[in-house]
mmCIF file of all heavy atoms, coordinates in Angstrom:
data_MODEL
# 
_entry.id   MODEL 
# 
loop_
_atom_site.group_PDB 
_atom_site.id 
_atom_site.type_symbol 
_atom_site.label_atom_id 
_atom_site.label_alt_id 
_atom_site.label_comp_id 
_atom_site.label_asym_id 
_atom_site.label_entity_id 
_atom_site.label_seq_id 
_atom_site.pdbx_PDB_ins_code 
_atom_site.Cartn_x 
_atom_site.Cartn_y 
_atom_site.Cartn_z 
_atom_site.occupancy 
_atom_site.B_iso_or_equiv 
_atom_site.pdbx_formal_charge 
_atom_site.auth_seq_id 
_atom_site.auth_comp_id 
_atom_site.auth_asym_id 
_atom_site.auth_atom_id 
_atom_site.pdbx_PDB_model_num 
ATOM 1   N N   . ASN A 1 1  ? -3.858 11.526  -8.569  1.00 0.00 ? 1  ASN A N   1 
ATOM 2   C CA  . ASN A 1 1  ? -3.903 11.611  -7.157  1.00 0.00 ? 1  ASN A CA  1 
ATOM 3   C C   . ASN A 1 1  ? -4.383 10.291  -6.495  1.00 0.00 ? 1  ASN A C   1 
ATOM 4   O O   . ASN A 1 1  ? -3.916 9.861   -5.455  1.00 0.00 ? 1  ASN A O   1 
ATOM 5   C CB  . ASN A 1 1  ? -4.783 12.758  -6.675  1.00 0.00 ? 1  ASN A CB  1 
ATOM 6   C CG  . ASN A 1 1  ? -4.092 14.122  -6.999  1.00 0.00 ? 1  ASN A CG  1 
ATOM 7   O OD1 . ASN A 1 1  ? -2.900 14.209  -7.031  1.00 0.00 ? 1  ASN A OD1 1 
ATOM 8   N ND2 . ASN A 1 1  ? -4.905 15.155  -7.077  1.00 0.00 ? 1  ASN A ND2 1 
ATOM 9   N N   . PHE A 1 2  ? -5.410 9.697   -7.176  1.00 0.00 ? 2  PHE A N   1 
ATOM 10  C CA  . PHE A 1 2  ? -5.907 8.419   -6.608  1.00 0.00 ? 2  PHE A CA  1 
ATOM 11  C C   . PHE A 1 2  ? -4.766 7.361   -6.646  1.00 0.00 ? 2  PHE A C   1 
ATOM 12  O O   . PHE A 1 2  ? -4.604 6.623   -5.684  1.00 0.00 ? 2  PHE A O   1 
ATOM 13  C CB  . PHE A 1 2  ? -7.070 7.954   -7.527  1.00 0.00 ? 2  PHE A CB  1 
ATOM 14  C CG  . PHE A 1 2  ? -7.464 6.509   -7.282  1.00 0.00 ? 2  PHE A CG  1 
ATOM 15  C CD1 . PHE A 1 2  ? -8.187 6.170   -6.150  1.00 0.00 ? 2  PHE A CD1 1 
ATOM 16  C CD2 . PHE A 1 2  ? -7.135 5.571   -8.113  1.00 0.00 ? 2  PHE A CD2 1 
ATOM 17  C CE1 . PHE A 1 2  ? -8.599 4.874   -5.860  1.00 0.00 ? 2  PHE A CE1 1 
ATOM 18  C CE2 . PHE A 1 2  ? -7.496 4.201   -7.879  1.00 0.00 ? 2  PHE A CE2 1 
ATOM 19  C CZ  . PHE A 1 2  ? -8.191 3.849   -6.770  1.00 0.00 ? 2  PHE A CZ  1 
ATOM 20  N N   . LEU A 1 3  ? -4.054 7.281   -7.761  1.00 0.00 ? 3  LEU A N   1 
ATOM 21  C CA  . LEU A 1 3  ? -2.932 6.281   -7.861  1.00 0.00 ? 3  LEU A CA  1 
ATOM 22  C C   . LEU A 1 3  ? -1.905 6.559   -6.760  1.00 0.00 ? 3  LEU A C   1 
ATOM 23  O O   . LEU A 1 3  ? -1.469 5.606   -6.047  1.00 0.00 ? 3  LEU A O   1 
ATOM 24  C CB  . LEU A 1 3  ? -2.252 6.367   -9.288  1.00 0.00 ? 3  LEU A CB  1 
ATOM 25  C CG  . LEU A 1 3  ? -3.099 5.937   -10.453 1.00 0.00 ? 3  LEU A CG  1 
ATOM 26  C CD1 . LEU A 1 3  ? -2.385 6.303   -11.747 1.00 0.00 ? 3  LEU A CD1 1 
ATOM 27  C CD2 . LEU A 1 3  ? -3.438 4.482   -10.403 1.00 0.00 ? 3  LEU A CD2 1 
ATOM 28  N N   . LYS A 1 4  ? -1.482 7.758   -6.594  1.00 0.00 ? 4  LYS A N   1 
ATOM 29  C CA  . LYS A 1 4  ? -0.512 8.141   -5.549  1.00 0.00 ? 4  LYS A CA  1 
ATOM 30  C C   . LYS A 1 4  ? -0.992 7.768   -4.195  1.00 0.00 ? 4  LYS A C   1 
ATOM 31  O O   . LYS A 1 4  ? -0.259 7.202   -3.370  1.00 0.00 ? 4  LYS A O   1 
ATOM 32  C CB  . LYS A 1 4  ? -0.159 9.620   -5.654  1.00 0.00 ? 4  LYS A CB  1 
ATOM 33  C CG  . LYS A 1 4  ? 0.636  10.014  -6.848  1.00 0.00 ? 4  LYS A CG  1 
ATOM 34  C CD  . LYS A 1 4  ? 0.925  11.491  -6.823  1.00 0.00 ? 4  LYS A CD  1 
ATOM 35  C CE  . LYS A 1 4  ? 1.717  11.986  -8.079  1.00 0.00 ? 4  LYS A CE  1 
ATOM 36  N NZ  . LYS A 1 4  ? 1.929  13.408  -8.067  1.00 0.00 ? 4  LYS A NZ  1 
ATOM 37  N N   . ASN A 1 5  ? -2.239 8.113   -3.875  1.00 0.00 ? 5  ASN A N   1 
ATOM 38  C CA  . ASN A 1 5  ? -2.829 7.834   -2.532  1.00 0.00 ? 5  ASN A CA  1 
ATOM 39  C C   . ASN A 1 5  ? -2.924 6.350   -2.315  1.00 0.00 ? 5  ASN A C   1 
ATOM 40  O O   . ASN A 1 5  ? -2.661 5.814   -1.216  1.00 0.00 ? 5  ASN A O   1 
ATOM 41  C CB  . ASN A 1 5  ? -4.163 8.419   -2.362  1.00 0.00 ? 5  ASN A CB  1 
ATOM 42  C CG  . ASN A 1 5  ? -4.074 9.947   -2.253  1.00 0.00 ? 5  ASN A CG  1 
ATOM 43  O OD1 . ASN A 1 5  ? -3.055 10.464  -1.803  1.00 0.00 ? 5  ASN A OD1 1 
ATOM 44  N ND2 . ASN A 1 5  ? -5.134 10.623  -2.581  1.00 0.00 ? 5  ASN A ND2 1 
ATOM 45  N N   . GLN A 1 6  ? -3.375 5.595   -3.332  1.00 0.00 ? 6  GLN A N   1 
ATOM 46  C CA  . GLN A 1 6  ? -3.503 4.138   -3.214  1.00 0.00 ? 6  GLN A CA  1 
ATOM 47  C C   . GLN A 1 6  ? -2.134 3.506   -2.962  1.00 0.00 ? 6  GLN A C   1 
ATOM 48  O O   . GLN A 1 6  ? -2.060 2.613   -2.088  1.00 0.00 ? 6  GLN A O   1 
ATOM 49  C CB  . GLN A 1 6  ? -4.117 3.581   -4.500  1.00 0.00 ? 6  GLN A CB  1 
ATOM 50  C CG  . GLN A 1 6  ? -4.524 2.125   -4.395  1.00 0.00 ? 6  GLN A CG  1 
ATOM 51  C CD  . GLN A 1 6  ? -5.600 1.869   -3.402  1.00 0.00 ? 6  GLN A CD  1 
ATOM 52  O OE1 . GLN A 1 6  ? -6.329 2.759   -3.019  1.00 0.00 ? 6  GLN A OE1 1 
ATOM 53  N NE2 . GLN A 1 6  ? -5.713 0.591   -2.996  1.00 0.00 ? 6  GLN A NE2 1 
ATOM 54  N N   . ILE A 1 7  ? -1.090 3.925   -3.663  1.00 0.00 ? 7  ILE A N   1 
ATOM 55  C CA  . ILE A 1 7  ? 0.230  3.392   -3.446  1.00 0.00 ? 7  ILE A CA  1 
ATOM 56  C C   . ILE A 1 7  ? 0.722  3.726   -2.017  1.00 0.00 ? 7  ILE A C   1 
ATOM 57  O O   . ILE A 1 7  ? 1.238  2.818   -1.322  1.00 0.00 ? 7  ILE A O   1 
ATOM 58  C CB  . ILE A 1 7  ? 1.190  3.974   -4.482  1.00 0.00 ? 7  ILE A CB  1 
ATOM 59  C CG1 . ILE A 1 7  ? 0.858  3.393   -5.872  1.00 0.00 ? 7  ILE A CG1 1 
ATOM 60  C CG2 . ILE A 1 7  ? 2.690  3.595   -4.103  1.00 0.00 ? 7  ILE A CG2 1 
ATOM 61  C CD1 . ILE A 1 7  ? 1.566  4.089   -6.990  1.00 0.00 ? 7  ILE A CD1 1 
ATOM 62  N N   . GLN A 1 8  ? 0.569  4.967   -1.608  1.00 0.00 ? 8  GLN A N   1 
ATOM 63  C CA  . GLN A 1 8  ? 0.953  5.360   -0.248  1.00 0.00 ? 8  GLN A CA  1 
ATOM 64  C C   . GLN A 1 8  ? 0.217  4.562   0.789   1.00 0.00 ? 8  GLN A C   1 
ATOM 65  O O   . GLN A 1 8  ? 0.833  4.114   1.784   1.00 0.00 ? 8  GLN A O   1 
ATOM 66  C CB  . GLN A 1 8  ? 0.705  6.798   -0.136  1.00 0.00 ? 8  GLN A CB  1 
ATOM 67  C CG  . GLN A 1 8  ? 1.191  7.411   1.219   1.00 0.00 ? 8  GLN A CG  1 
ATOM 68  C CD  . GLN A 1 8  ? 0.865  8.885   1.344   1.00 0.00 ? 8  GLN A CD  1 
ATOM 69  O OE1 . GLN A 1 8  ? 0.097  9.435   0.541   1.00 0.00 ? 8  GLN A OE1 1 
ATOM 70  N NE2 . GLN A 1 8  ? 1.521  9.566   2.320   1.00 0.00 ? 8  GLN A NE2 1 
ATOM 71  N N   . ASN A 1 9  ? -1.071 4.445   0.706   1.00 0.00 ? 9  ASN A N   1 
ATOM 72  C CA  . ASN A 1 9  ? -1.850 3.718   1.712   1.00 0.00 ? 9  ASN A CA  1 
ATOM 73  C C   . ASN A 1 9  ? -1.512 2.231   1.755   1.00 0.00 ? 9  ASN A C   1 
ATOM 74  O O   . ASN A 1 9  ? -1.418 1.661   2.844   1.00 0.00 ? 9  ASN A O   1 
ATOM 75  C CB  . ASN A 1 9  ? -3.366 3.863   1.421   1.00 0.00 ? 9  ASN A CB  1 
ATOM 76  C CG  . ASN A 1 9  ? -3.855 5.273   1.688   1.00 0.00 ? 9  ASN A CG  1 
ATOM 77  O OD1 . ASN A 1 9  ? -3.251 6.039   2.359   1.00 0.00 ? 9  ASN A OD1 1 
ATOM 78  N ND2 . ASN A 1 9  ? -4.939 5.645   1.036   1.00 0.00 ? 9  ASN A ND2 1 
ATOM 79  N N   . ALA A 1 10 ? -1.295 1.646   0.583   1.00 0.00 ? 10 ALA A N   1 
ATOM 80  C CA  . ALA A 1 10 ? -0.893 0.238   0.555   1.00 0.00 ? 10 ALA A CA  1 
ATOM 81  C C   . ALA A 1 10 ? 0.421  -0.028  1.231   1.00 0.00 ? 10 ALA A C   1 
ATOM 82  O O   . ALA A 1 10 ? 0.629  -0.982  1.995   1.00 0.00 ? 10 ALA A O   1 
ATOM 83  C CB  . ALA A 1 10 ? -0.830 -0.318  -0.899  1.00 0.00 ? 10 ALA A CB  1 
ATOM 84  N N   . LYS A 1 11 ? 1.445  0.887   1.014   1.00 0.00 ? 11 LYS A N   1 
ATOM 85  C CA  . LYS A 1 11 ? 2.703  0.771   1.649   1.00 0.00 ? 11 LYS A CA  1 
ATOM 86  C C   . LYS A 1 11 ? 2.593  0.898   3.169   1.00 0.00 ? 11 LYS A C   1 
ATOM 87  O O   . LYS A 1 11 ? 3.274  0.171   3.884   1.00 0.00 ? 11 LYS A O   1 
ATOM 88  C CB  . LYS A 1 11 ? 3.698  1.776   1.089   1.00 0.00 ? 11 LYS A CB  1 
ATOM 89  C CG  . LYS A 1 11 ? 4.128  1.375   -0.353  1.00 0.00 ? 11 LYS A CG  1 
ATOM 90  C CD  . LYS A 1 11 ? 5.093  2.392   -0.860  1.00 0.00 ? 11 LYS A CD  1 
ATOM 91  C CE  . LYS A 1 11 ? 5.570  2.029   -2.257  1.00 0.00 ? 11 LYS A CE  1 
ATOM 92  N NZ  . LYS A 1 11 ? 6.515  2.985   -2.895  1.00 0.00 ? 11 LYS A NZ  1 
ATOM 93  N N   . LYS A 1 12 ? 1.779  1.832   3.563   1.00 0.00 ? 12 LYS A N   1 
ATOM 94  C CA  . LYS A 1 12 ? 1.530  2.060   5.012   1.00 0.00 ? 12 LYS A CA  1 
ATOM 95  C C   . LYS A 1 12 ? 0.914  0.843   5.659   1.00 0.00 ? 12 LYS A C   1 
ATOM 96  O O   . LYS A 1 12 ? 1.392  0.344   6.731   1.00 0.00 ? 12 LYS A O   1 
ATOM 97  C CB  . LYS A 1 12 ? 0.601  3.263   5.217   1.00 0.00 ? 12 LYS A CB  1 
ATOM 98  C CG  . LYS A 1 12 ? 0.309  3.546   6.634   1.00 0.00 ? 12 LYS A CG  1 
ATOM 99  C CD  . LYS A 1 12 ? -0.675 4.717   6.784   1.00 0.00 ? 12 LYS A CD  1 
ATOM 100 C CE  . LYS A 1 12 ? -1.036 4.916   8.217   1.00 0.00 ? 12 LYS A CE  1 
ATOM 101 N NZ  . LYS A 1 12 ? -2.123 5.836   8.403   1.00 0.00 ? 12 LYS A NZ  1 
ATOM 102 N N   . VAL A 1 13 ? -0.106 0.221   5.050   1.00 0.00 ? 13 VAL A N   1 
ATOM 103 C CA  . VAL A 1 13 ? -0.684 -0.961  5.615   1.00 0.00 ? 13 VAL A CA  1 
ATOM 104 C C   . VAL A 1 13 ? 0.261  -2.149  5.637   1.00 0.00 ? 13 VAL A C   1 
ATOM 105 O O   . VAL A 1 13 ? 0.278  -2.896  6.577   1.00 0.00 ? 13 VAL A O   1 
ATOM 106 C CB  . VAL A 1 13 ? -1.987 -1.293  4.829   1.00 0.00 ? 13 VAL A CB  1 
ATOM 107 C CG1 . VAL A 1 13 ? -2.541 -2.678  5.203   1.00 0.00 ? 13 VAL A CG1 1 
ATOM 108 C CG2 . VAL A 1 13 ? -3.076 -0.252  5.050   1.00 0.00 ? 13 VAL A CG2 1 
ATOM 109 N N   . MET A 1 14 ? 1.141  -2.202  4.617   1.00 0.00 ? 14 MET A N   1 
ATOM 110 C CA  . MET A 1 14 ? 2.105  -3.352  4.584   1.00 0.00 ? 14 MET A CA  1 
ATOM 111 C C   . MET A 1 14 ? 3.082  -3.215  5.787   1.00 0.00 ? 14 MET A C   1 
ATOM 112 O O   . MET A 1 14 ? 3.569  -4.244  6.218   1.00 0.00 ? 14 MET A O   1 
ATOM 113 C CB  . MET A 1 14 ? 2.844  -3.345  3.218   1.00 0.00 ? 14 MET A CB  1 
ATOM 114 C CG  . MET A 1 14 ? 2.036  -3.900  2.086   1.00 0.00 ? 14 MET A CG  1 
ATOM 115 S SD  . MET A 1 14 ? 2.792  -3.817  0.454   1.00 0.00 ? 14 MET A SD  1 
ATOM 116 C CE  . MET A 1 14 ? 4.516  -4.166  0.737   1.00 0.00 ? 14 MET A CE  1 
ATOM 117 N N   . LYS A 1 15 ? 3.362  -2.041  6.222   1.00 0.00 ? 15 LYS A N   1 
ATOM 118 C CA  . LYS A 1 15 ? 4.232  -1.862  7.390   1.00 0.00 ? 15 LYS A CA  1 
ATOM 119 C C   . LYS A 1 15 ? 3.544  -2.300  8.689   1.00 0.00 ? 15 LYS A C   1 
ATOM 120 O O   . LYS A 1 15 ? 4.189  -2.711  9.611   1.00 0.00 ? 15 LYS A O   1 
ATOM 121 C CB  . LYS A 1 15 ? 4.670  -0.385  7.464   1.00 0.00 ? 15 LYS A CB  1 
ATOM 122 C CG  . LYS A 1 15 ? 5.654  0.015   6.411   1.00 0.00 ? 15 LYS A CG  1 
ATOM 123 C CD  . LYS A 1 15 ? 6.089  1.444   6.565   1.00 0.00 ? 15 LYS A CD  1 
ATOM 124 C CE  . LYS A 1 15 ? 7.053  1.901   5.493   1.00 0.00 ? 15 LYS A CE  1 
ATOM 125 N NZ  . LYS A 1 15 ? 7.415  3.278   5.540   1.00 0.00 ? 15 LYS A NZ  1 
ATOM 126 N N   . GLU A 1 16 ? 2.218  -2.143  8.663   1.00 0.00 ? 16 GLU A N   1 
ATOM 127 C CA  . GLU A 1 16 ? 1.476  -2.368  9.950   1.00 0.00 ? 16 GLU A CA  1 
ATOM 128 C C   . GLU A 1 16 ? 1.025  -3.848  10.008  1.00 0.00 ? 16 GLU A C   1 
ATOM 129 O O   . GLU A 1 16 ? 0.842  -4.435  11.117  1.00 0.00 ? 16 GLU A O   1 
ATOM 130 C CB  . GLU A 1 16 ? 0.203  -1.555  9.988   1.00 0.00 ? 16 GLU A CB  1 
ATOM 131 C CG  . GLU A 1 16 ? 0.499  -0.063  10.024  1.00 0.00 ? 16 GLU A CG  1 
ATOM 132 C CD  . GLU A 1 16 ? -0.722 0.853   9.905   1.00 0.00 ? 16 GLU A CD  1 
ATOM 133 O OE1 . GLU A 1 16 ? -1.851 0.253   9.816   1.00 0.00 ? 16 GLU A OE1 1 
ATOM 134 O OE2 . GLU A 1 16 ? -0.585 2.060   9.807   1.00 0.00 ? 16 GLU A OE2 1 
ATOM 135 N N   . ILE A 1 17 ? 0.710  -4.469  8.845   1.00 0.00 ? 17 ILE A N   1 
ATOM 136 C CA  . ILE A 1 17 ? 0.122  -5.790  8.797   1.00 0.00 ? 17 ILE A CA  1 
ATOM 137 C C   . ILE A 1 17 ? 0.949  -6.658  7.899   1.00 0.00 ? 17 ILE A C   1 
ATOM 138 O O   . ILE A 1 17 ? 1.382  -6.251  6.807   1.00 0.00 ? 17 ILE A O   1 
ATOM 139 C CB  . ILE A 1 17 ? -1.369 -5.670  8.276   1.00 0.00 ? 17 ILE A CB  1 
ATOM 140 C CG1 . ILE A 1 17 ? -2.172 -4.696  9.137   1.00 0.00 ? 17 ILE A CG1 1 
ATOM 141 C CG2 . ILE A 1 17 ? -1.994 -7.064  8.260   1.00 0.00 ? 17 ILE A CG2 1 
ATOM 142 C CD1 . ILE A 1 17 ? -3.545 -4.378  8.525   1.00 0.00 ? 17 ILE A CD1 1 
ATOM 143 N N   . PRO A 1 18 ? 1.122  -7.935  8.270   1.00 0.00 ? 18 PRO A N   1 
ATOM 144 C CA  . PRO A 1 18 ? 1.921  -8.851  7.416   1.00 0.00 ? 18 PRO A CA  1 
ATOM 145 C C   . PRO A 1 18 ? 1.114  -9.247  6.170   1.00 0.00 ? 18 PRO A C   1 
ATOM 146 O O   . PRO A 1 18 ? 0.587  -10.372 6.108   1.00 0.00 ? 18 PRO A O   1 
ATOM 147 C CB  . PRO A 1 18 ? 2.239  -10.015 8.321   1.00 0.00 ? 18 PRO A CB  1 
ATOM 148 C CG  . PRO A 1 18 ? 1.169  -10.033 9.306   1.00 0.00 ? 18 PRO A CG  1 
ATOM 149 C CD  . PRO A 1 18 ? 0.716  -8.598  9.553   1.00 0.00 ? 18 PRO A CD  1 
ATOM 150 N N   . VAL A 1 19 ? 1.012  -8.369  5.261   1.00 0.00 ? 19 VAL A N   1 
ATOM 151 C CA  . VAL A 1 19 ? 0.299  -8.646  4.007   1.00 0.00 ? 19 VAL A CA  1 
ATOM 152 C C   . VAL A 1 19 ? 1.102  -7.964  2.845   1.00 0.00 ? 19 VAL A C   1 
ATOM 153 O O   . VAL A 1 19 ? 1.820  -6.990  3.073   1.00 0.00 ? 19 VAL A O   1 
ATOM 154 C CB  . VAL A 1 19 ? -1.164 -8.081  4.054   1.00 0.00 ? 19 VAL A CB  1 
ATOM 155 C CG1 . VAL A 1 19 ? -1.176 -6.559  4.209   1.00 0.00 ? 19 VAL A CG1 1 
ATOM 156 C CG2 . VAL A 1 19 ? -1.985 -8.502  2.883   1.00 0.00 ? 19 VAL A CG2 1 
ATOM 157 N N   . SER A 1 20 ? 1.013  -8.528  1.687   1.00 0.00 ? 20 SER A N   1 
ATOM 158 C CA  . SER A 1 20 ? 1.769  -8.020  0.552   1.00 0.00 ? 20 SER A CA  1 
ATOM 159 C C   . SER A 1 20 ? 0.829  -7.461  -0.527  1.00 0.00 ? 20 SER A C   1 
ATOM 160 O O   . SER A 1 20 ? -0.067 -8.149  -1.035  1.00 0.00 ? 20 SER A O   1 
ATOM 161 C CB  . SER A 1 20 ? 2.675  -9.098  -0.068  1.00 0.00 ? 20 SER A CB  1 
ATOM 162 O OG  . SER A 1 20 ? 3.321  -8.608  -1.119  1.00 0.00 ? 20 SER A OG  1 
ATOM 163 N N   . PHE A 1 21 ? 1.125  -6.250  -0.946  1.00 0.00 ? 21 PHE A N   1 
ATOM 164 C CA  . PHE A 1 21 ? 0.425  -5.587  -2.087  1.00 0.00 ? 21 PHE A CA  1 
ATOM 165 C C   . PHE A 1 21 ? 1.453  -5.243  -3.137  1.00 0.00 ? 21 PHE A C   1 
ATOM 166 O O   . PHE A 1 21 ? 1.303  -4.423  -3.958  1.00 0.00 ? 21 PHE A O   1 
ATOM 167 C CB  . PHE A 1 21 ? -0.229 -4.333  -1.615  1.00 0.00 ? 21 PHE A CB  1 
ATOM 168 C CG  . PHE A 1 21 ? -1.426 -4.546  -0.693  1.00 0.00 ? 21 PHE A CG  1 
ATOM 169 C CD1 . PHE A 1 21 ? -1.348 -3.987  0.542   1.00 0.00 ? 21 PHE A CD1 1 
ATOM 170 C CD2 . PHE A 1 21 ? -2.503 -5.310  -1.097  1.00 0.00 ? 21 PHE A CD2 1 
ATOM 171 C CE1 . PHE A 1 21 ? -2.441 -4.229  1.448   1.00 0.00 ? 21 PHE A CE1 1 
ATOM 172 C CE2 . PHE A 1 21 ? -3.573 -5.476  -0.208  1.00 0.00 ? 21 PHE A CE2 1 
ATOM 173 C CZ  . PHE A 1 21 ? -3.512 -4.889  1.058   1.00 0.00 ? 21 PHE A CZ  1 
ATOM 174 N N   . GLU A 1 22 ? 2.606  -5.979  -3.137  1.00 0.00 ? 22 GLU A N   1 
ATOM 175 C CA  . GLU A 1 22 ? 3.695  -5.591  -4.067  1.00 0.00 ? 22 GLU A CA  1 
ATOM 176 C C   . GLU A 1 22 ? 3.324  -5.654  -5.566  1.00 0.00 ? 22 GLU A C   1 
ATOM 177 O O   . GLU A 1 22 ? 3.669  -4.744  -6.229  1.00 0.00 ? 22 GLU A O   1 
ATOM 178 C CB  . GLU A 1 22 ? 4.915  -6.577  -3.791  1.00 0.00 ? 22 GLU A CB  1 
ATOM 179 C CG  . GLU A 1 22 ? 5.561  -6.425  -2.456  1.00 0.00 ? 22 GLU A CG  1 
ATOM 180 C CD  . GLU A 1 22 ? 6.191  -5.127  -2.164  1.00 0.00 ? 22 GLU A CD  1 
ATOM 181 O OE1 . GLU A 1 22 ? 6.645  -4.457  -3.177  1.00 0.00 ? 22 GLU A OE1 1 
ATOM 182 O OE2 . GLU A 1 22 ? 6.344  -4.764  -0.956  1.00 0.00 ? 22 GLU A OE2 1 
ATOM 183 N N   . LYS A 1 23 ? 2.581  -6.650  -5.933  1.00 0.00 ? 23 LYS A N   1 
ATOM 184 C CA  . LYS A 1 23 ? 2.171  -6.732  -7.352  1.00 0.00 ? 23 LYS A CA  1 
ATOM 185 C C   . LYS A 1 23 ? 1.217  -5.593  -7.736  1.00 0.00 ? 23 LYS A C   1 
ATOM 186 O O   . LYS A 1 23 ? 1.362  -4.971  -8.787  1.00 0.00 ? 23 LYS A O   1 
ATOM 187 C CB  . LYS A 1 23 ? 1.517  -8.066  -7.632  1.00 0.00 ? 23 LYS A CB  1 
ATOM 188 C CG  . LYS A 1 23 ? 2.378  -9.204  -7.622  1.00 0.00 ? 23 LYS A CG  1 
ATOM 189 C CD  . LYS A 1 23 ? 1.642  -10.527 -7.941  1.00 0.00 ? 23 LYS A CD  1 
ATOM 190 C CE  . LYS A 1 23 ? 2.561  -11.706 -7.861  1.00 0.00 ? 23 LYS A CE  1 
ATOM 191 N NZ  . LYS A 1 23 ? 1.871  -13.002 -8.088  1.00 0.00 ? 23 LYS A NZ  1 
ATOM 192 N N   . GLN A 1 24 ? 0.309  -5.294  -6.868  1.00 0.00 ? 24 GLN A N   1 
ATOM 193 C CA  . GLN A 1 24 ? -0.618 -4.203  -7.116  1.00 0.00 ? 24 GLN A CA  1 
ATOM 194 C C   . GLN A 1 24 ? 0.056  -2.885  -7.139  1.00 0.00 ? 24 GLN A C   1 
ATOM 195 O O   . GLN A 1 24 ? -0.260 -2.025  -8.009  1.00 0.00 ? 24 GLN A O   1 
ATOM 196 C CB  . GLN A 1 24 ? -1.768 -4.181  -6.024  1.00 0.00 ? 24 GLN A CB  1 
ATOM 197 C CG  . GLN A 1 24 ? -2.650 -5.416  -6.138  1.00 0.00 ? 24 GLN A CG  1 
ATOM 198 C CD  . GLN A 1 24 ? -2.188 -6.588  -5.242  1.00 0.00 ? 24 GLN A CD  1 
ATOM 199 O OE1 . GLN A 1 24 ? -1.041 -6.645  -4.868  1.00 0.00 ? 24 GLN A OE1 1 
ATOM 200 N NE2 . GLN A 1 24 ? -3.104 -7.479  -4.940  1.00 0.00 ? 24 GLN A NE2 1 
# 
């Protein structure tokens, strides 16, 4: 669940802010 939430939150933040978490 932590992994799923982390992926989901990172994708959400990437849509809002010009930052990349692609590798992570």
